[in-house]
Amino acid sequence: MAESRLRSELNQLERKLVLLLSDFKKKDAEIEMLKLENQKLKLHLEEKDEKMASFQNQDKISKIVNSMVVDENDTEALSNLLSEYINEVDKCIAHLSE
């Protein structure tokens, strides 16, 4: 009688252990998935920050150009030159982000 009771309790413990191990594996897989998602989101945020910085620099340059007093003839040349600078800076940022 006592032996069958012990076997029954051992079987219950074994089932509980199997359930706990299964739950642990599921949670471990979920943690790994969340870590990967977190990394992707961090990279996405960094890209957004870089784009934001680029736009802010372009905005600052535009404000500088608009605040400058220049002859009508020089305005187009200055605008073209600044556009070239902006394009070069964008290329540098793109190259650094690779």
N, C-alpha and C. Protein backbone atom coordinates (compact mmCIF):
# COMPACT_ATOMS: atom_id res chain seq x y z
N MET A 1 0.82 -1.19 0.00
CA MET A 1 0.00 0.00 0.00
C MET A 1 0.87 1.26 0.00
N ALA A 2 1.83 1.30 0.88
CA ALA A 2 2.71 2.46 0.97
C ALA A 2 3.55 2.59 -0.29
N GLU A 3 3.89 1.47 -0.89
CA GLU A 3 4.70 1.49 -2.10
C GLU A 3 3.91 2.07 -3.28
N SER A 4 2.66 1.70 -3.40
CA SER A 4 1.83 2.22 -4.49
C SER A 4 1.57 3.72 -4.30
N ARG A 5 1.48 4.13 -3.05
CA ARG A 5 1.30 5.56 -2.75
C ARG A 5 2.54 6.35 -3.15
N LEU A 6 3.71 5.79 -2.85
CA LEU A 6 4.97 6.44 -3.23
C LEU A 6 5.09 6.53 -4.74
N ARG A 7 4.73 5.47 -5.43
CA ARG A 7 4.80 5.48 -6.89
C ARG A 7 3.85 6.53 -7.46
N SER A 8 2.67 6.62 -6.89
CA SER A 8 1.69 7.62 -7.33
C SER A 8 2.24 9.03 -7.14
N GLU A 9 2.84 9.29 -5.99
CA GLU A 9 3.42 10.61 -5.72
C GLU A 9 4.60 10.89 -6.65
N LEU A 10 5.40 9.87 -6.90
CA LEU A 10 6.52 10.03 -7.84
C LEU A 10 6.01 10.35 -9.24
N ASN A 11 4.95 9.67 -9.66
CA ASN A 11 4.36 9.95 -10.97
C ASN A 11 3.83 11.37 -11.06
N GLN A 12 3.19 11.83 -10.00
CA GLN A 12 2.70 13.21 -9.97
C GLN A 12 3.85 14.21 -10.04
N LEU A 13 4.90 13.94 -9.29
CA LEU A 13 6.07 14.82 -9.32
C LEU A 13 6.72 14.84 -10.71
N GLU A 14 6.76 13.65 -11.32
CA GLU A 14 7.35 13.56 -12.64
C GLU A 14 6.52 14.37 -13.66
N ARG A 15 5.21 14.28 -13.59
CA ARG A 15 4.34 15.05 -14.48
C ARG A 15 4.51 16.55 -14.26
N LYS A 16 4.60 16.93 -12.98
CA LYS A 16 4.81 18.35 -12.67
C LYS A 16 6.15 18.84 -13.21
N LEU A 17 7.17 17.99 -13.08
CA LEU A 17 8.49 18.34 -13.57
C LEU A 17 8.49 18.50 -15.09
N VAL A 18 7.82 17.60 -15.77
CA VAL A 18 7.71 17.68 -17.23
C VAL A 18 6.99 18.97 -17.64
N LEU A 19 5.92 19.30 -16.94
CA LEU A 19 5.19 20.53 -17.23
C LEU A 19 6.05 21.77 -16.98
N LEU A 20 6.78 21.75 -15.88
CA LEU A 20 7.66 22.87 -15.56
C LEU A 20 8.76 23.03 -16.60
N LEU A 21 9.36 21.93 -17.04
CA LEU A 21 10.40 21.99 -18.06
C LEU A 21 9.85 22.51 -19.38
N SER A 22 8.66 22.06 -19.72
CA SER A 22 8.01 22.54 -20.95
C SER A 22 7.75 24.03 -20.87
N ASP A 23 7.24 24.47 -19.75
CA ASP A 23 6.97 25.90 -19.55
C ASP A 23 8.26 26.71 -19.59
N PHE A 24 9.31 26.16 -18.99
CA PHE A 24 10.60 26.84 -18.99
C PHE A 24 11.13 27.01 -20.42
N LYS A 25 11.01 25.96 -21.23
CA LYS A 25 11.49 26.03 -22.61
C LYS A 25 10.71 27.06 -23.42
N LYS A 26 9.40 27.11 -23.20
CA LYS A 26 8.57 28.10 -23.89
C LYS A 26 8.98 29.52 -23.50
N LYS A 27 9.17 29.72 -22.21
CA LYS A 27 9.55 31.06 -21.73
C LYS A 27 10.94 31.44 -22.22
N ASP A 28 11.84 30.47 -22.27
CA ASP A 28 13.20 30.73 -22.74
C ASP A 28 13.16 31.12 -24.22
N ALA A 29 12.36 30.44 -25.02
CA ALA A 29 12.23 30.77 -26.44
C ALA A 29 11.60 32.16 -26.61
N GLU A 30 10.64 32.47 -25.76
CA GLU A 30 9.99 33.79 -25.82
C GLU A 30 10.99 34.89 -25.47
N ILE A 31 11.83 34.65 -24.50
CA ILE A 31 12.85 35.62 -24.11
C ILE A 31 13.81 35.88 -25.28
N GLU A 32 14.24 34.81 -25.94
CA GLU A 32 15.14 34.96 -27.08
C GLU A 32 14.48 35.76 -28.20
N MET A 33 13.21 35.48 -28.47
CA MET A 33 12.48 36.20 -29.49
C MET A 33 12.38 37.69 -29.14
N LEU A 34 12.10 37.97 -27.88
CA LEU A 34 12.00 39.36 -27.43
C LEU A 34 13.34 40.08 -27.49
N LYS A 35 14.42 39.36 -27.22
CA LYS A 35 15.75 39.96 -27.32
C LYS A 35 16.04 40.36 -28.77
N LEU A 36 15.70 39.47 -29.70
CA LEU A 36 15.90 39.78 -31.12
C LEU A 36 15.05 40.98 -31.55
N GLU A 37 13.82 41.00 -31.11
CA GLU A 37 12.95 42.13 -31.43
C GLU A 37 13.50 43.43 -30.84
N ASN A 38 14.02 43.34 -29.64
CA ASN A 38 14.61 44.50 -28.98
C ASN A 38 15.81 45.03 -29.78
N GLN A 39 16.66 44.13 -30.26
CA GLN A 39 17.81 44.54 -31.06
C GLN A 39 17.36 45.23 -32.35
N LYS A 40 16.36 44.64 -33.01
CA LYS A 40 15.84 45.25 -34.24
C LYS A 40 15.29 46.64 -33.98
N LEU A 41 14.56 46.78 -32.89
CA LEU A 41 13.98 48.08 -32.55
C LEU A 41 15.06 49.10 -32.22
N LYS A 42 16.12 48.66 -31.56
CA LYS A 42 17.22 49.58 -31.25
C LYS A 42 17.89 50.06 -32.53
N LEU A 43 18.11 49.14 -33.48
CA LEU A 43 18.71 49.54 -34.75
C LEU A 43 17.79 50.50 -35.50
N HIS A 44 16.51 50.22 -35.48
CA HIS A 44 15.55 51.08 -36.15
C HIS A 44 15.56 52.48 -35.52
N LEU A 45 15.64 52.53 -34.21
CA LEU A 45 15.68 53.81 -33.50
C LEU A 45 16.96 54.58 -33.85
N GLU A 46 18.08 53.88 -33.93
CA GLU A 46 19.33 54.54 -34.31
C GLU A 46 19.23 55.14 -35.70
N GLU A 47 18.64 54.38 -36.63
CA GLU A 47 18.46 54.89 -37.99
C GLU A 47 17.58 56.14 -37.99
N LYS A 48 16.51 56.10 -37.23
CA LYS A 48 15.62 57.27 -37.15
C LYS A 48 16.36 58.46 -36.55
N ASP A 49 17.18 58.22 -35.52
CA ASP A 49 17.95 59.31 -34.91
C ASP A 49 18.92 59.93 -35.91
N GLU A 50 19.57 59.07 -36.71
CA GLU A 50 20.50 59.57 -37.72
C GLU A 50 19.78 60.40 -38.77
N LYS A 51 18.61 59.93 -39.20
CA LYS A 51 17.84 60.69 -40.18
C LYS A 51 17.40 62.03 -39.59
N MET A 52 16.99 62.00 -38.33
CA MET A 52 16.54 63.22 -37.67
C MET A 52 17.69 64.22 -37.58
N ALA A 53 18.87 63.73 -37.23
CA ALA A 53 20.04 64.62 -37.15
C ALA A 53 20.35 65.21 -38.52
N SER A 54 20.23 64.40 -39.54
CA SER A 54 20.50 64.89 -40.90
C SER A 54 19.50 65.98 -41.29
N PHE A 55 18.22 65.74 -40.98
CA PHE A 55 17.22 66.75 -41.29
C PHE A 55 17.44 68.03 -40.49
N GLN A 56 17.86 67.88 -39.25
CA GLN A 56 18.11 69.06 -38.43
C GLN A 56 19.28 69.86 -39.00
N ASN A 57 20.31 69.15 -39.48
CA ASN A 57 21.44 69.85 -40.08
C ASN A 57 21.01 70.58 -41.35
N GLN A 58 20.18 69.92 -42.15
CA GLN A 58 19.70 70.57 -43.37
C GLN A 58 18.86 71.80 -43.02
N ASP A 59 18.07 71.69 -41.97
CA ASP A 59 17.24 72.81 -41.55
C ASP A 59 18.12 73.98 -41.07
N LYS A 60 19.17 73.66 -40.32
CA LYS A 60 20.07 74.71 -39.85
C LYS A 60 20.75 75.40 -41.03
N ILE A 61 21.19 74.62 -42.00
CA ILE A 61 21.85 75.19 -43.17
C ILE A 61 20.88 76.07 -43.95
N SER A 62 19.64 75.60 -44.07
CA SER A 62 18.63 76.40 -44.77
C SER A 62 18.39 77.72 -44.05
N LYS A 63 18.34 77.69 -42.74
CA LYS A 63 18.14 78.93 -41.98
C LYS A 63 19.32 79.88 -42.16
N ILE A 64 20.53 79.33 -42.21
CA ILE A 64 21.71 80.17 -42.42
C ILE A 64 21.65 80.83 -43.79
N VAL A 65 21.30 80.03 -44.79
CA VAL A 65 21.21 80.56 -46.15
C VAL A 65 20.15 81.64 -46.22
N ASN A 66 19.01 81.39 -45.62
CA ASN A 66 17.92 82.38 -45.69
C ASN A 66 18.25 83.65 -44.92
N SER A 67 19.08 83.56 -43.91
CA SER A 67 19.40 84.75 -43.12
C SER A 67 20.54 85.56 -43.72
N MET A 68 21.24 85.01 -44.71
CA MET A 68 22.37 85.72 -45.31
C MET A 68 21.85 86.78 -46.28
N VAL A 69 22.54 87.91 -46.29
CA VAL A 69 22.21 88.97 -47.24
C VAL A 69 23.20 88.82 -48.39
N VAL A 70 22.64 88.51 -49.56
CA VAL A 70 23.48 88.24 -50.72
C VAL A 70 22.84 88.89 -51.94
N ASP A 71 23.68 89.20 -52.89
CA ASP A 71 23.16 89.71 -54.16
C ASP A 71 22.30 88.65 -54.82
N GLU A 72 21.41 89.11 -55.69
CA GLU A 72 20.54 88.19 -56.41
C GLU A 72 21.35 87.23 -57.27
N ASN A 73 22.47 87.70 -57.84
CA ASN A 73 23.29 86.86 -58.71
C ASN A 73 24.01 85.77 -57.93
N ASP A 74 24.42 86.09 -56.72
CA ASP A 74 25.15 85.14 -55.91
C ASP A 74 24.25 84.11 -55.21
N THR A 75 22.99 84.40 -55.13
CA THR A 75 22.06 83.52 -54.40
C THR A 75 22.01 82.13 -55.02
N GLU A 76 21.89 82.06 -56.32
CA GLU A 76 21.79 80.75 -56.98
C GLU A 76 23.09 79.97 -56.83
N ALA A 77 24.23 80.64 -56.98
CA ALA A 77 25.52 79.96 -56.85
C ALA A 77 25.70 79.45 -55.42
N LEU A 78 25.35 80.27 -54.45
CA LEU A 78 25.47 79.86 -53.05
C LEU A 78 24.53 78.70 -52.74
N SER A 79 23.34 78.77 -53.27
CA SER A 79 22.37 77.69 -53.06
C SER A 79 22.88 76.38 -53.66
N ASN A 80 23.42 76.44 -54.85
CA ASN A 80 23.98 75.24 -55.49
C ASN A 80 25.15 74.68 -54.68
N LEU A 81 26.01 75.56 -54.21
CA LEU A 81 27.17 75.12 -53.42
C LEU A 81 26.73 74.45 -52.13
N LEU A 82 25.76 75.04 -51.46
CA LEU A 82 25.26 74.44 -50.22
C LEU A 82 24.54 73.12 -50.49
N SER A 83 23.85 73.03 -51.59
CA SER A 83 23.20 71.76 -51.94
C SER A 83 24.24 70.67 -52.17
N GLU A 84 25.34 71.03 -52.80
CA GLU A 84 26.41 70.06 -53.00
C GLU A 84 26.99 69.61 -51.65
N TYR A 85 27.19 70.57 -50.75
CA TYR A 85 27.71 70.23 -49.42
C TYR A 85 26.74 69.29 -48.69
N ILE A 86 25.48 69.60 -48.76
CA ILE A 86 24.47 68.76 -48.09
C ILE A 86 24.48 67.36 -48.67
N ASN A 87 24.57 67.26 -49.98
CA ASN A 87 24.61 65.94 -50.61
C ASN A 87 25.85 65.16 -50.18
N GLU A 88 26.98 65.83 -50.10
CA GLU A 88 28.21 65.16 -49.66
C GLU A 88 28.11 64.69 -48.21
N VAL A 89 27.53 65.52 -47.36
CA VAL A 89 27.34 65.14 -45.96
C VAL A 89 26.40 63.94 -45.87
N ASP A 90 25.33 63.95 -46.66
CA ASP A 90 24.41 62.81 -46.67
C ASP A 90 25.10 61.54 -47.12
N LYS A 91 25.96 61.65 -48.12
CA LYS A 91 26.71 60.48 -48.59
C LYS A 91 27.64 59.95 -47.49
N CYS A 92 28.27 60.85 -46.79
CA CYS A 92 29.16 60.46 -45.69
C CYS A 92 28.38 59.75 -44.58
N ILE A 93 27.22 60.29 -44.24
CA ILE A 93 26.39 59.68 -43.20
C ILE A 93 25.94 58.30 -43.64
N ALA A 94 25.52 58.17 -44.89
CA ALA A 94 25.09 56.87 -45.41
C ALA A 94 26.25 55.87 -45.39
N HIS A 95 27.43 56.35 -45.75
CA HIS A 95 28.61 55.46 -45.76
C HIS A 95 28.97 55.02 -44.34
N LEU A 96 28.89 55.93 -43.40
CA LEU A 96 29.21 55.59 -42.01
C LEU A 96 28.18 54.65 -41.38
N SER A 97 26.95 54.74 -41.82
CA SER A 97 25.90 53.88 -41.24
C SER A 97 25.95 52.46 -41.77
N GLU A 98 26.72 52.20 -42.82
CA GLU A 98 26.83 50.85 -43.38
C GLU A 98 27.64 49.94 -42.51
